[in-house]
């Protein structure tokens, strides 16, 4: 990215499993989507590392998959929980990369063509993530953004961004379900919309379920038909496997508008022509659709239990184009309107860009305060300290702040307000009845921000060693106490920290635990012994429905 370019705009990025999109809020507060070098608004999230020193991203990389199957990498968003975990590539696996590095390459590519289109440096961004992403995936996404050169990064859940786009005019007052079936993930979120206020009060999803799984079933259909033509599919080369997967995606797209479709395959084992009907495809993939319906029903039941009346199911994500999706939802929810997909490929990016209005409003207020202090002190803008004006996480320079807010205005009644809930429970490990247990401090579904206090007994080991070890956990249950051996809980350790406590505390002494989680999902836990000695932990909480 060119250093001489100024930061003029806030960009919204849908960093998708299969395709990515970048949009921005222009000088007139209108949403614009940037086209890539091929002239398309959507960019395949594919990276060609056949030349590791010169990565290729996008459609060219995707086209190269057939030629370099070992070095063209895709669907790495599904591996974001690995973070810095190694992905091996190359014919003999001699090279290595990470999901973070691959995501950063996609983000860099988006930024390059967005800079060309807007003459603005891409530094202030709102990046969307699946609503059911966990702590590790969110932190990995932020790392990828930083590696790509972005300095001011806000995360926003994909269904929430879509809801913002749906209600961006501020003229909606209803409860909707956002059914987001992307290439690699599925989310279903219930959202109360009241003008520019969005209350995302129920969330379900599966970050390992998406269009890729429909493609996999189509691959199986293709191979079965090849076997019928005496084509041995057991020993297909990597190049042939890539050709079959390409044909599978092509057939899936064709069947969106056709009752049957044909594919011509050129394989090392010979040429073949096959035909697949929409009915065949829908029959094979029905169990996948069933999973999304099951989760949708859970959220609908949650909404009903809260006295909410759902008016619409909004279809988002490229895979929601499949006719079976709208048809099945209409059958399962006859009293709820299921409109045609709402700009499914770009709605999330556009909603993220529009959410930038809220950030811009805050930054305009900061600018006004800086100008006020400069005037009162008789100083120049450059001489005024930012301490006490901007928050500690703000990374743009004063100059960038002023360029970004120059000649911009956001009406107070158009500021987007998003209420968030936690999709995961947060707990701390302790001793209960002499057994190790996870004491839940924050339950899944709790509205954020949260402030909670809890007394936790000190173990005999801690009292004897004058040292306490605190372990913070994320899990999927809402029970007050969870056994570390409970495999259904999906326990993940977020952070562990040890600290000294006051010596010679009496048996039965307790630590006072104070938990704070703000709207940004920043979690702070302070444990204080009876004499005021403290141990602190910080981690990023898994907050759904907003950044």
Protein backbone atom coordinates (compact mmCIF):
# COMPACT_ATOMS: atom_id res chain seq x y z
CA UNK A 1 0.00 0.00 0.00
CA UNK A 2 1.30 3.41 -0.93
CA UNK A 3 2.43 5.39 2.11
CA UNK A 4 1.69 8.75 0.51
CA UNK A 5 -2.06 8.07 0.28
CA UNK A 6 -4.20 9.63 2.98
CA UNK A 7 -6.82 7.75 4.99
CA UNK A 8 -10.04 9.23 3.61
CA UNK A 9 -12.61 6.49 4.18
CA UNK A 10 -13.74 3.70 6.48
CA UNK A 11 -13.93 0.37 4.63
CA UNK A 12 -16.22 -2.59 5.27
CA UNK A 13 -14.74 -6.00 4.44
CA UNK A 14 -16.56 -9.29 4.17
CA UNK A 15 -13.64 -11.69 4.59
CA UNK A 16 -15.47 -14.75 3.32
CA UNK A 17 -14.62 -18.43 3.15
CA UNK A 18 -15.10 -18.60 -0.61
CA UNK A 19 -15.44 -14.96 -1.69
CA UNK A 20 -14.50 -11.60 -0.18
CA UNK A 21 -15.86 -8.10 -0.80
CA UNK A 22 -14.70 -4.59 0.16
CA UNK A 23 -16.99 -1.53 0.31
CA UNK A 24 -16.67 1.96 1.74
CA UNK A 25 -18.66 4.95 2.93
CA UNK A 26 -18.05 7.81 0.51
CA UNK A 27 -18.07 11.58 1.17
CA UNK A 28 -21.87 11.65 0.81
CA UNK A 29 -22.34 8.81 3.35
CA UNK A 30 -23.31 6.45 0.52
CA UNK A 31 -22.10 2.84 0.28
CA UNK A 32 -19.85 1.99 -2.66
CA UNK A 33 -18.38 -1.42 -3.51
CA UNK A 34 -14.92 -1.61 -5.08
CA UNK A 35 -14.29 -3.75 -8.16
CA UNK A 36 -11.16 -5.89 -8.35
CA UNK A 37 -8.67 -6.12 -11.21
CA UNK A 38 -10.98 -8.48 -13.11
CA UNK A 39 -13.82 -5.95 -12.86
CA UNK A 40 -15.81 -8.02 -10.37
CA UNK A 41 -17.20 -6.87 -7.01
CA UNK A 42 -16.47 -10.26 -5.43
CA UNK A 43 -13.02 -11.79 -5.08
CA UNK A 44 -12.36 -15.52 -4.53
CA UNK A 45 -10.67 -16.07 -1.15
CA UNK A 46 -7.98 -18.17 -2.80
CA UNK A 47 -4.19 -17.80 -2.60
CA UNK A 48 -1.72 -19.28 -5.09
CA UNK A 49 1.65 -19.88 -3.42
CA UNK A 50 3.30 -21.75 -6.28
CA UNK A 51 5.81 -18.87 -6.09
CA UNK A 52 5.91 -18.23 -2.32
CA UNK A 53 7.69 -14.91 -2.78
CA UNK A 54 4.94 -13.58 -5.05
CA UNK A 55 1.51 -14.75 -3.84
CA UNK A 56 -1.38 -14.51 -6.30
CA UNK A 57 -4.88 -13.86 -4.92
CA UNK A 58 -8.38 -14.01 -6.36
CA UNK A 59 -9.77 -15.35 -9.61
CA UNK A 60 -6.37 -15.99 -11.18
CA UNK A 61 -5.38 -18.05 -8.16
CA UNK A 62 -8.66 -19.97 -8.31
CA UNK A 63 -8.15 -20.70 -12.02
CA UNK A 64 -4.66 -22.01 -11.20
CA UNK A 65 -6.03 -24.64 -8.80
CA UNK A 66 -6.20 -27.25 -11.56
CA UNK A 67 -2.55 -26.66 -12.50
CA UNK A 68 -1.06 -26.22 -9.02
CA UNK A 69 -3.38 -28.20 -6.70
CA UNK A 70 -0.69 -28.55 -4.03
CA UNK A 71 0.07 -24.84 -3.84
CA UNK A 72 -3.27 -23.10 -4.38
CA UNK A 73 -4.95 -22.82 -1.00
CA UNK A 74 -8.61 -22.11 -0.22
CA UNK A 75 -11.21 -22.56 2.54
CA UNK A 76 -8.59 -21.60 5.12
CA UNK A 77 -11.14 -19.49 7.00
CA UNK A 78 -12.43 -22.77 8.42
CA UNK A 79 -9.02 -23.25 10.02
CA UNK A 80 -8.81 -19.83 11.66
CA UNK A 81 -9.05 -21.36 15.13
CA UNK A 82 -5.57 -22.77 14.45
CA UNK A 83 -4.33 -19.17 14.26
CA UNK A 84 -0.60 -19.58 13.83
CA UNK A 85 -0.95 -23.34 13.32
CA UNK A 86 0.98 -24.55 10.31
CA UNK A 87 -0.57 -25.43 6.93
CA UNK A 88 1.84 -27.40 4.73
CA UNK A 89 1.76 -27.01 0.96
CA UNK A 90 3.81 -27.86 -2.11
CA UNK A 91 4.05 -31.20 -3.91
CA UNK A 92 5.87 -32.79 -0.99
CA UNK A 93 4.61 -30.42 1.71
CA UNK A 94 7.97 -28.68 1.80
CA UNK A 95 6.52 -25.21 2.42
CA UNK A 96 4.39 -23.91 5.25
CA UNK A 97 2.05 -21.04 5.97
CA UNK A 98 -0.78 -20.27 8.43
CA UNK A 99 -4.49 -19.37 8.17
CA UNK A 100 -3.57 -15.90 9.48
CA UNK A 101 -0.97 -15.33 6.76
CA UNK A 102 -3.33 -16.56 4.03
CA UNK A 103 -6.13 -14.32 5.28
CA UNK A 104 -3.69 -11.41 5.38
CA UNK A 105 -2.83 -12.00 1.70
CA UNK A 106 -6.52 -11.77 0.78
CA UNK A 107 -6.89 -8.58 2.84
CA UNK A 108 -3.81 -7.05 1.21
CA UNK A 109 -5.22 -7.77 -2.24
CA UNK A 110 -8.58 -6.20 -1.34
CA UNK A 111 -6.78 -3.16 0.05
CA UNK A 112 -4.65 -2.73 -3.08
CA UNK A 113 -7.53 -2.49 -5.50
CA UNK A 114 -9.65 -0.46 -3.05
CA UNK A 115 -6.82 2.07 -2.79
CA UNK A 116 -6.69 2.31 -6.58
CA UNK A 117 -10.45 2.87 -6.74
CA UNK A 118 -10.66 5.47 -3.95
CA UNK A 119 -7.20 7.06 -3.77
CA UNK A 120 -7.42 6.40 -0.03
CA UNK A 121 -5.15 4.36 2.20
CA UNK A 122 -7.02 1.39 3.70
CA UNK A 123 -6.31 1.60 7.41
CA UNK A 124 -9.67 2.05 9.16
CA UNK A 125 -11.72 -1.10 8.53
CA UNK A 126 -14.74 -3.00 9.79
CA UNK A 127 -14.14 -6.71 9.11
CA UNK A 128 -16.98 -9.19 9.42
CA UNK A 129 -16.74 -12.62 11.04
CA UNK A 130 -19.26 -15.45 11.43
CA UNK A 131 -21.56 -15.01 14.40
CA UNK A 132 -20.42 -18.38 15.71
CA UNK A 133 -16.72 -17.65 15.53
CA UNK A 134 -14.99 -18.27 18.84
CA UNK A 135 -12.32 -16.32 20.67
CA UNK A 136 -9.43 -17.93 18.77
CA UNK A 137 -10.93 -17.23 15.35
CA UNK A 138 -11.69 -13.61 16.20
CA UNK A 139 -8.21 -12.97 17.54
CA UNK A 140 -6.72 -14.66 14.45
CA UNK A 141 -8.81 -12.40 12.20
CA UNK A 142 -7.51 -9.30 13.99
CA UNK A 143 -3.94 -10.56 13.63
CA UNK A 144 -4.47 -11.07 9.90
CA UNK A 145 -5.80 -7.51 9.64
CA UNK A 146 -2.77 -6.12 11.44
CA UNK A 147 -0.45 -8.19 9.23
CA UNK A 148 -2.21 -6.69 6.20
CA UNK A 149 -1.31 -3.21 7.44
CA UNK A 150 -4.65 -2.09 8.87
CA UNK A 151 -4.32 -0.03 12.03
CA UNK A 152 -7.90 0.64 13.17
CA UNK A 153 -9.79 -2.66 13.10
CA UNK A 154 -13.36 -3.33 14.27
CA UNK A 155 -14.98 -6.76 14.05
CA UNK A 156 -18.67 -7.09 13.26
CA UNK A 157 -20.68 -10.31 12.99
CA UNK A 158 -21.78 -11.14 9.44
CA UNK A 159 -25.53 -11.54 10.12
CA UNK A 160 -25.54 -8.29 12.08
CA UNK A 161 -23.88 -6.50 9.18
CA UNK A 162 -26.55 -7.92 6.86
CA UNK A 163 -29.29 -6.67 9.22
CA UNK A 164 -27.69 -3.22 9.24
CA UNK A 165 -27.73 -3.19 5.44
CA UNK A 166 -31.39 -4.28 5.43
CA UNK A 167 -32.36 -1.46 7.80
CA UNK A 168 -29.86 1.19 6.75
CA UNK A 169 -32.59 3.73 5.94
CA UNK A 170 -33.81 3.62 9.54
CA UNK A 171 -37.39 2.89 8.46
CA UNK A 172 -37.77 -0.64 9.87
CA UNK A 173 -39.53 -1.64 13.08
CA UNK A 174 -39.74 -5.42 13.16
CA UNK A 175 -38.13 -8.67 14.28
CA UNK A 176 -36.32 -10.66 11.61
CA UNK A 177 -34.21 -13.77 11.32
CA UNK A 178 -30.98 -13.45 9.34
CA UNK A 179 -30.27 -16.80 7.66
CA UNK A 180 -26.64 -16.53 6.53
CA UNK A 181 -25.44 -19.52 4.52
CA UNK A 182 -22.00 -18.70 3.21
CA UNK A 183 -19.39 -20.76 1.47
CA UNK A 184 -17.98 -22.20 4.66
CA UNK A 185 -20.13 -21.10 7.59
CA UNK A 186 -23.77 -20.89 8.66
CA UNK A 187 -25.31 -18.41 11.11
CA UNK A 188 -28.89 -17.76 12.14
CA UNK A 189 -29.58 -14.66 14.24
CA UNK A 190 -32.80 -13.11 15.57
CA UNK A 191 -32.68 -9.32 15.37
CA UNK A 192 -35.07 -6.71 16.74
CA UNK A 193 -34.82 -3.67 14.47
CA UNK A 194 -36.13 -0.31 15.65
CA UNK A 195 -34.87 2.43 13.36
CA UNK A 196 -31.12 2.46 13.80
CA UNK A 197 -31.23 0.21 16.87
CA UNK A 198 -30.41 -3.49 16.44
CA UNK A 199 -30.95 -5.96 19.26
CA UNK A 200 -29.43 -9.31 18.23
CA UNK A 201 -30.95 -11.39 21.03
CA UNK A 202 -30.59 -15.00 19.84
CA UNK A 203 -27.77 -16.68 17.94
CA UNK A 204 -27.07 -20.16 16.60
CA UNK A 205 -24.72 -21.42 13.93
CA UNK A 206 -22.04 -23.77 12.72
CA UNK A 207 -18.75 -22.43 11.40
CA UNK A 208 -18.06 -25.82 9.80
CA UNK A 209 -21.21 -25.85 7.66
CA UNK A 210 -21.57 -24.01 4.37
CA UNK A 211 -21.65 -24.16 0.58
CA UNK A 212 -18.39 -26.11 0.55
CA UNK A 213 -20.29 -29.06 2.03
CA UNK A 214 -22.84 -28.89 -0.80
CA UNK A 215 -19.89 -28.88 -3.23
CA UNK A 216 -18.49 -31.97 -1.53
CA UNK A 217 -21.77 -33.82 -2.06
CA UNK A 218 -21.77 -32.76 -5.71
CA UNK A 219 -18.24 -34.16 -6.05
CA UNK A 220 -19.55 -37.50 -4.77
CA UNK A 221 -22.37 -37.42 -7.33
CA UNK A 222 -19.89 -36.68 -10.14
CA UNK A 223 -17.59 -39.52 -9.11
CA UNK A 224 -20.49 -41.95 -8.94
CA UNK A 225 -21.49 -41.01 -12.47
CA UNK A 226 -17.89 -41.35 -13.64
CA UNK A 227 -17.76 -44.84 -12.11
CA UNK A 228 -20.90 -45.69 -14.08
CA UNK A 229 -18.89 -44.81 -17.21
CA UNK A 230 -16.10 -47.22 -16.10
CA UNK A 231 -13.86 -44.36 -14.94
CA UNK A 232 -11.82 -45.41 -11.92
CA UNK A 233 -12.05 -42.56 -9.42
CA UNK A 234 -10.02 -44.24 -6.69
CA UNK A 235 -6.70 -43.06 -8.07
CA UNK A 236 -7.50 -39.61 -9.39
CA UNK A 237 -4.49 -37.32 -9.46
CA UNK A 238 -4.56 -34.05 -7.48
CA UNK A 239 -5.03 -32.24 -10.81
CA UNK A 240 -8.06 -34.41 -11.63
CA UNK A 241 -9.48 -33.91 -8.15
CA UNK A 242 -9.23 -30.14 -8.68
CA UNK A 243 -10.99 -30.48 -12.04
CA UNK A 244 -13.82 -32.48 -10.45
CA UNK A 245 -14.25 -29.89 -7.69
CA UNK A 246 -14.31 -27.11 -10.28
CA UNK A 247 -17.03 -28.95 -12.18
CA UNK A 248 -18.97 -29.50 -8.94
CA UNK A 249 -19.10 -25.78 -8.17
CA UNK A 250 -20.07 -25.01 -11.76
CA UNK A 251 -22.90 -27.55 -11.70
CA UNK A 252 -24.21 -26.25 -8.37
CA UNK A 253 -24.41 -22.72 -9.80
CA UNK A 254 -26.13 -23.90 -13.00
CA UNK A 255 -28.73 -25.85 -11.03
CA UNK A 256 -29.80 -22.65 -9.33
CA UNK A 257 -31.58 -21.66 -12.56
CA UNK A 258 -31.91 -25.04 -14.35
CA UNK A 259 -33.61 -28.34 -13.56
CA UNK A 260 -30.60 -30.22 -14.94
CA UNK A 261 -27.04 -29.35 -15.95
CA UNK A 262 -24.15 -30.96 -17.78
CA UNK A 263 -20.40 -30.89 -17.24
CA UNK A 264 -17.55 -31.87 -19.54
CA UNK A 265 -14.49 -33.13 -17.69
CA UNK A 266 -11.01 -33.51 -19.11
CA UNK A 267 -9.20 -35.91 -16.82
CA UNK A 268 -5.93 -37.78 -17.08
CA UNK A 269 -7.98 -40.98 -17.11
CA UNK A 270 -9.98 -39.68 -20.09
CA UNK A 271 -12.77 -37.34 -21.13
CA UNK A 272 -16.25 -37.64 -19.66
CA UNK A 273 -19.62 -35.94 -19.96
CA UNK A 274 -22.11 -36.16 -17.11
CA UNK A 275 -25.54 -34.76 -16.30
CA UNK A 276 -26.95 -33.98 -12.85
CA UNK A 277 -30.54 -33.02 -12.06
CA UNK A 278 -31.56 -30.52 -9.43
CA UNK A 279 -33.64 -33.24 -7.76
CA UNK A 280 -30.59 -35.51 -7.45
CA UNK A 281 -28.59 -32.72 -5.90
CA UNK A 282 -31.34 -31.67 -3.48
CA UNK A 283 -31.96 -35.26 -2.38
CA UNK A 284 -28.26 -35.78 -1.67
CA UNK A 285 -27.83 -32.52 0.25
CA UNK A 286 -31.09 -32.66 2.26
CA UNK A 287 -29.28 -33.64 5.51
CA UNK A 288 -27.13 -30.49 5.22
CA UNK A 289 -30.19 -28.30 4.76
CA UNK A 290 -31.84 -30.12 7.67
CA UNK A 291 -29.04 -28.92 9.96
CA UNK A 292 -29.70 -25.29 9.06
CA UNK A 293 -33.45 -25.76 9.56
CA UNK A 294 -32.89 -27.32 12.99
CA UNK A 295 -30.80 -24.34 14.11
CA UNK A 296 -33.28 -21.89 12.60
CA UNK A 297 -36.11 -23.51 14.56
CA UNK A 298 -34.14 -23.15 17.80
CA UNK A 299 -33.70 -19.43 17.26
CA UNK A 300 -37.36 -19.03 16.21
CA UNK A 301 -38.47 -20.85 19.37
CA UNK A 302 -36.20 -18.60 21.45
CA UNK A 303 -37.79 -15.54 19.85
CA UNK A 304 -41.29 -16.88 20.46
CA UNK A 305 -40.46 -17.58 24.12
CA UNK A 306 -39.45 -13.94 24.45
CA UNK A 307 -42.79 -12.83 23.00
CA UNK A 308 -41.32 -11.75 19.66
CA UNK A 309 -43.17 -12.01 16.35
CA UNK A 310 -40.84 -12.72 13.43
CA UNK A 311 -41.92 -10.98 10.22
CA UNK A 312 -39.20 -12.06 7.77
CA UNK A 313 -36.34 -14.46 7.22
CA UNK A 314 -33.60 -12.58 5.38
CA UNK A 315 -31.47 -14.77 3.11
CA UNK A 316 -27.79 -13.82 3.03
CA UNK A 317 -24.66 -15.54 1.71
CA UNK A 318 -23.98 -16.85 -1.77
CA UNK A 319 -25.25 -20.34 -0.95
CA UNK A 320 -28.70 -18.97 -0.09
CA UNK A 321 -29.22 -18.62 -3.86
CA UNK A 322 -29.91 -22.38 -4.01
CA UNK A 323 -33.67 -22.80 -4.67
CA UNK A 324 -33.97 -25.50 -2.02
CA UNK A 325 -33.17 -22.98 0.72
CA UNK A 326 -36.02 -20.53 0.12
CA UNK A 327 -38.44 -23.34 -0.72
CA UNK A 328 -37.71 -25.29 2.46
CA UNK A 329 -37.85 -22.24 4.73
CA UNK A 330 -41.20 -21.27 3.23
CA UNK A 331 -42.51 -24.77 3.95
CA UNK A 332 -41.18 -24.88 7.50
CA UNK A 333 -42.27 -21.33 8.41
CA UNK A 334 -45.53 -20.74 6.48
CA UNK A 335 -46.46 -17.68 8.55
CA UNK A 336 -43.16 -15.87 7.99
CA UNK A 337 -42.22 -14.06 4.78
CA UNK A 338 -39.08 -15.41 3.08
CA UNK A 339 -38.14 -12.84 0.42
CA UNK A 340 -35.67 -13.54 -2.37
CA UNK A 341 -32.00 -13.37 -1.28
CA UNK A 342 -31.01 -9.83 -0.29
CA UNK A 343 -27.95 -8.97 -2.41
CA UNK A 344 -26.41 -12.06 -0.75
CA UNK A 345 -22.86 -11.64 -2.01
CA UNK A 346 -22.47 -7.98 -1.03
CA UNK A 347 -24.96 -7.30 1.78
CA UNK A 348 -22.48 -8.14 4.54
CA UNK A 349 -19.70 -5.92 3.19
CA UNK A 350 -22.14 -3.06 2.59
CA UNK A 351 -23.57 -3.38 6.09
CA UNK A 352 -20.06 -3.32 7.55
CA UNK A 353 -19.26 -0.16 5.61
CA UNK A 354 -22.49 1.46 6.77
CA UNK A 355 -21.67 0.58 10.38
CA UNK A 356 -18.65 2.82 9.83
CA UNK A 357 -21.04 5.76 10.34
CA UNK A 358 -21.09 4.95 14.05
CA UNK A 359 -17.30 4.93 14.26
CA UNK A 360 -17.15 8.12 12.22
CA UNK A 361 -19.58 9.84 14.59
CA UNK A 362 -17.35 8.99 17.55
CA UNK A 363 -14.24 10.19 15.77
CA UNK A 364 -15.91 13.45 14.70
CA UNK A 365 -16.70 14.05 18.39
CA UNK A 366 -13.03 13.42 19.24
CA UNK A 367 -11.96 15.88 16.57
CA UNK A 368 -14.27 18.56 17.94
CA UNK A 369 -12.89 18.06 21.45
CA UNK A 370 -9.30 18.32 20.18
CA UNK A 371 -10.15 21.53 18.33
CA UNK A 372 -11.88 22.91 21.43
CA UNK A 373 -8.89 22.22 23.68
CA UNK A 374 -6.49 23.71 21.16
CA UNK A 375 -8.55 26.88 20.97
CA UNK A 376 -8.88 27.19 24.74
CA UNK A 377 -5.14 26.68 25.25
CA UNK A 378 -4.12 28.88 22.34
CA UNK A 379 -2.22 25.99 20.82
CA UNK A 380 -2.08 24.35 17.42
CA UNK A 381 -3.84 21.04 16.83
CA UNK A 382 -0.47 19.26 16.76
CA UNK A 383 0.36 20.54 20.24
CA UNK A 384 -2.75 19.14 21.90
CA UNK A 385 -2.31 15.78 23.64
CA UNK A 386 -4.82 13.05 22.81
CA UNK A 387 -4.77 11.71 26.37
CA UNK A 388 -8.25 11.61 27.80
CA UNK A 389 -9.85 12.29 24.41
CA UNK A 390 -9.46 9.11 22.36
CA UNK A 391 -9.62 5.63 23.85
CA UNK A 392 -6.54 3.53 24.47
CA UNK A 393 -7.17 1.24 21.49
CA UNK A 394 -7.30 4.01 18.86
CA UNK A 395 -4.36 3.53 16.48
CA UNK A 396 -4.79 6.23 13.81
CA UNK A 397 -2.56 9.29 14.07
CA UNK A 398 -4.09 12.73 14.78
CA UNK A 399 -3.39 13.67 11.16
CA UNK A 400 -5.21 10.56 9.90
CA UNK A 401 -8.11 11.29 12.24
CA UNK A 402 -8.51 14.80 10.84
CA UNK A 403 -8.28 13.68 7.19
CA UNK A 404 -10.80 10.88 7.79
CA UNK A 405 -13.35 13.20 9.43
CA UNK A 406 -12.78 16.22 7.14
CA UNK A 407 -16.02 17.60 5.66
CA UNK A 408 -17.97 14.63 7.01
CA UNK A 409 -21.13 14.76 9.07
CA UNK A 410 -23.28 12.10 10.73
CA UNK A 411 -26.72 13.01 12.06
CA UNK A 412 -27.15 11.97 15.70
CA UNK A 413 -30.40 10.16 14.97
CA UNK A 414 -28.64 7.98 12.37
CA UNK A 415 -26.01 6.53 14.68
CA UNK A 416 -26.26 2.73 14.67
CA UNK A 417 -26.77 1.16 18.08
CA UNK A 418 -26.18 -2.60 18.31
CA UNK A 419 -26.99 -4.59 21.42
CA UNK A 420 -24.77 -7.63 21.79
CA UNK A 421 -25.11 -10.99 23.47
CA UNK A 422 -22.50 -13.58 24.28
CA UNK A 423 -22.85 -16.86 22.42
CA UNK A 424 -20.37 -18.56 24.77
CA UNK A 425 -20.20 -18.90 28.49
CA UNK A 426 -17.10 -17.72 30.35
CA UNK A 427 -15.94 -19.37 33.56
CA UNK A 428 -13.04 -19.70 35.93
CA UNK A 429 -11.57 -22.96 37.21
CA UNK A 430 -11.77 -23.57 40.94
CA UNK A 431 -12.35 -26.16 43.65
CA UNK A 432 -15.94 -27.05 44.55
CA UNK A 433 -16.40 -29.75 47.16
CA UNK A 434 -12.79 -30.76 46.73
CA UNK A 435 -13.22 -31.30 42.97
CA UNK A 436 -12.01 -29.08 40.11
CA UNK A 437 -14.94 -27.33 38.44
CA UNK A 438 -15.52 -24.46 36.03
CA UNK A 439 -17.58 -21.77 37.75
CA UNK A 440 -19.57 -19.91 35.09
CA UNK A 441 -19.38 -16.14 35.46
CA UNK A 442 -20.93 -15.15 32.11
CA UNK A 443 -23.63 -17.31 30.52
CA UNK A 444 -24.26 -17.69 26.81
CA UNK A 445 -27.08 -15.33 25.90
CA UNK A 446 -26.19 -12.70 28.51
CA UNK A 447 -26.45 -9.17 27.16
CA UNK A 448 -23.23 -7.19 27.00
CA UNK A 449 -21.73 -5.15 28.61
CA UNK A 450 -21.52 -7.22 31.79
CA UNK A 451 -20.21 -6.54 35.28
CA UNK A 452 -20.26 -9.43 37.76
CA UNK A 453 -18.79 -10.29 41.14
CA UNK A 454 -18.19 -13.71 42.65
CA UNK A 455 -16.52 -15.16 45.76
CA UNK A 456 -14.27 -18.16 45.02
CA UNK A 457 -12.73 -20.29 47.80
CA UNK A 458 -8.94 -20.58 47.78
CA UNK A 459 -7.67 -24.14 47.51
CA UNK A 460 -5.42 -25.69 50.15
CA UNK A 461 -2.62 -25.73 47.58
CA UNK A 462 -2.94 -21.99 47.01
CA UNK A 463 -2.97 -21.28 50.77
CA UNK A 464 0.12 -23.42 51.36
CA UNK A 465 2.10 -22.00 48.42
CA UNK A 466 0.87 -18.40 48.87
CA UNK A 467 0.22 -18.43 45.13
CA UNK A 468 -2.97 -18.70 43.13
CA UNK A 469 -3.33 -19.95 39.55
CA UNK A 470 -6.31 -18.55 37.63
CA UNK A 471 -7.58 -20.29 34.48
CA UNK A 472 -10.24 -18.61 32.36
CA UNK A 473 -12.37 -20.87 30.16
CA UNK A 474 -14.86 -20.51 27.34
CA UNK A 475 -17.61 -23.12 26.95
CA UNK A 476 -21.00 -23.74 25.31
CA UNK A 477 -23.17 -24.66 28.31
CA UNK A 478 -25.27 -22.39 30.54
CA UNK A 479 -24.80 -24.44 33.73
CA UNK A 480 -23.47 -22.64 36.79
CA UNK A 481 -20.94 -25.42 37.37
CA UNK A 482 -19.27 -27.39 34.58
CA UNK A 483 -16.94 -30.34 35.01
CA UNK A 484 -13.60 -30.03 33.16
CA UNK A 485 -14.24 -33.61 32.00
CA UNK A 486 -17.60 -32.79 30.38
CA UNK A 487 -16.98 -33.41 26.67
CA UNK A 488 -20.26 -31.74 25.70
CA UNK A 489 -19.11 -28.40 27.08
CA UNK A 490 -16.58 -27.65 24.34
CA UNK A 491 -14.19 -26.21 26.93
CA UNK A 492 -11.38 -23.98 25.68
CA UNK A 493 -8.83 -22.35 27.97
CA UNK A 494 -8.62 -18.65 27.15
CA UNK A 495 -5.85 -17.64 29.51
CA UNK A 496 -3.97 -18.81 32.59
CA UNK A 497 -2.08 -16.63 35.03
CA UNK A 498 -0.45 -17.15 38.41
CA UNK A 499 0.12 -14.56 41.12
CA UNK A 500 1.17 -14.26 44.73
CA UNK A 501 -1.39 -13.89 47.49
CA UNK A 502 -1.02 -12.78 51.09
CA UNK A 503 0.95 -15.36 53.14
CA UNK A 504 -0.67 -17.32 55.99
CA UNK A 505 -4.28 -16.69 55.04
CA UNK A 506 -6.64 -18.83 57.18
CA UNK A 507 -8.36 -21.91 55.79
CA UNK A 508 -11.60 -21.07 54.02
CA UNK A 509 -10.31 -17.73 52.70
CA UNK A 510 -11.86 -16.56 49.44
CA UNK A 511 -10.81 -14.51 46.44
CA UNK A 512 -13.21 -11.80 45.31
CA UNK A 513 -13.50 -12.10 41.52
CA UNK A 514 -14.71 -9.10 39.52
CA UNK A 515 -15.52 -9.61 35.82
CA UNK A 516 -16.00 -6.76 33.33
CA UNK A 517 -16.87 -7.17 29.64
CA UNK A 518 -17.50 -4.03 27.61
CA UNK A 519 -19.31 -3.51 24.30
CA UNK A 520 -16.10 -4.23 22.39
CA UNK A 521 -15.82 -7.69 23.93
CA UNK A 522 -12.76 -6.82 26.01
CA UNK A 523 -12.79 -8.98 29.10
CA UNK A 524 -11.05 -8.04 32.34
CA UNK A 525 -11.00 -10.22 35.42
CA UNK A 526 -9.55 -9.09 38.73
CA UNK A 527 -9.18 -11.53 41.63
CA UNK A 528 -8.51 -9.94 45.02
CA UNK A 529 -7.58 -11.78 48.22
CA UNK A 530 -8.91 -10.71 51.67
CA UNK A 531 -5.96 -8.33 52.15
CA UNK A 532 -6.35 -6.59 48.78
CA UNK A 533 -3.63 -8.39 46.82
CA UNK A 534 -4.77 -8.82 43.21
CA UNK A 535 -4.18 -10.97 40.13
CA UNK A 536 -5.54 -9.73 36.78
CA UNK A 537 -6.37 -11.44 33.49
CA UNK A 538 -7.39 -9.94 30.17
CA UNK A 539 -8.77 -11.68 27.10
CA UNK A 540 -11.11 -11.03 24.21
CA UNK A 541 -14.58 -12.27 25.10
CA UNK A 542 -16.70 -13.95 22.46
CA UNK A 543 -19.37 -11.30 21.92
CA UNK A 544 -21.90 -12.06 19.22
CA UNK A 545 -24.03 -9.66 17.20
CA UNK A 546 -21.40 -6.89 17.13
CA UNK A 547 -17.70 -6.21 17.23
